[in-house]
Amino acid sequence: MEDGRIWADRDGVTEALDARPGLTLDEHSPKTNVEDCEASGGLYNASEGLAEALRSVASSQLWNFMGFSLPISSLFSSESFSLKSSDMLCFENEMKREDAMEVDAQQEETYVAKFESEYINSSVPLYQEYWMNSVKKDLHRAQHTGLSELVTSMRLPGLKTPPPPLSPTSVLSPPGLQAKPYALWQELPQVKGLLNSLSAQEIQLQEAIFELIVSEASYQKSLVVALNVFQCSAELKQTLSRVQHHVLFSNLKDVCRVSEWILQDLESHLRQDVVMSRVGDIVLKHQQDFQQVYVPYITNIMYQEAVITQLLQGNRKFALILKKLEKDPQCQRQTLKSFLILPFQRITRMTLLLENILKRAKGVCLNVSNLTEAIEAVRKIVEECDRSVQQMKRTELLVCLDKLVDFGNVKSIPLITRGRHLIQEGTLKQLIVGGNHKVSVVSRKDVYIHLFNDLLLLSVRSGNRFVVQDHALFPDNVRVEEIKTTILGLPPESLLLHLTKNHNRSSTALIFAARTRLEKETWIKVLSSK
């Protein structure tokens, strides 16, 4: 994956789509609606990472359970999902080639698993049920954990709590999985004769490892339902454009295939050695597979949410067919959104599962090889997903702002540039000192400041637009300093801003006043940063 782009494999044909259709990082980029950029308390907010981006994606059932009110809103207007003409032509040509190859889309695209579990029967629940019960358990133990840490599910205090002592006969089934046949490692026929020779701690370790297998089987089951009920539905396809269908399901088929591979390897290990020890090696073996499928999929999640919201609001046929598909018995009353969020839930939960295995392995003679390395590998993938989402959100902010900025008589510059992101924004009062040698007159004018990591914009707001008055490269051509306000008769919240080389390559000095001393100190700090 390259910055700003999503790679997806569709029926063996690899395609590179802009992560936001229509977005190219140059001055000719298409623009978004004003409404898309506005948010309560301000025009828009800076990126807050993966957890923030995914708040609008998690099921309403979960967020209601957590006690948060998080309304789902469309991230982008309909025009946000229109490709540039040249990109659209290439995309449509590729789709036409695919159409020519398709005889029966329904039969061709139905996902058929190449591996079926030997140990986990069909009664395993959907992953949504497993995950929800696991989160409830975590929430019970993590009442004081922050939302961001809770959503990313990377480190919860609950997993640091020492478990109560368990006897070999009292080991509980994995959270969310009831003790049905083969839901427990100790229920496997080949294990029965070993139980008396193992300690309670050794059994707990094997149950923790077996939970990785059982939960992967549950996850695989849900992914296959998502593919065959929703993605491969001919009825649903007829209500969507090719672009919408691609954004909606992204590379879910590849995610499912990788899940199938790791489940096969985990069960192969179990078949070879019922007392398992090489789960760390297996996870590391698939590290690259995880990275290649999860980073683009999770980066695309917020676009999935935007497409679904738009379709539900503006495409009655889509809404009716989706409602019909969600009633399919295979879905077990789960929604499309709950299926689309599965990869995010799985990759973050996997860290916890591996950490639990590591905790159980302490004090046990059995060496679980490369487990710490596997945990770190999965954590790095989650962090890469986080960075990718943040970069997407930052770019979206630039696209929004590009729509609102009017350079007027000031020399214009391309606002959408790779690597640029917003650091601070807000209104300050510009103080203009006039009058004569006897009387000083200070007039005030509101100036809106956008401070990027490489650029400073000074604008005057006109309705929802920003009319640029001046700009300078930051930090090279920007200096800020305190001024002696008492001598000049200025408010104590004043500061002096130097543009050593502004839009017309001249030097200028401006006096600004903040509303509070704290706001002044904040601006001085960010404007002084290098």
Foldseek 3Di string as FASTA:
>chain_A
DDAQWFWAADPNDIDIAGLFAQDDQWQPGDFFDQVLQCDPPGRHDADDWLLVLCPLQDDPVLCVVVVDDDHHDFNGDPVRRDHPPVVVVVVVVVVVVVVVVDPDLLVVQQDDQPDDDPQADPPQAALLQQLSQVLVQLCVQAVPDDSSCSRLLQDGVSLVDDDDDDFLVRDAFRGSGHPDQRSFLCNDPVNVVVSVVDGSLLRQLLRLLVNVLSSLNNHLLLLSLLRNLPLSDPQLVVLDDPSLSCLQCPRSVLVSNLSSVLSVVSVVQCVVPVSHAANLVSLVVCLVSCLSPLLSLSLSSSVNSNSVVCCCVPPVSNVVVQVVSCPPVSNVNPHSSSSSCSSSSVLSVVLVSLVSSVVSCPPPPRHRPNSVVSSVSSVVSSVSSRVSNSQVSQQSSQSNQSVFEAQVPFDDDRSRHPPKGWDDKDKWWWWDWDDDPVDIDTDTAIWIWTDIQFKIFTFHDDPSHTHTDKMATPPVQKAKAQDDCVVVVHDNQKIKIWGPQMRPGHIDIIITGDPDNVVSVVVNVVNPDD
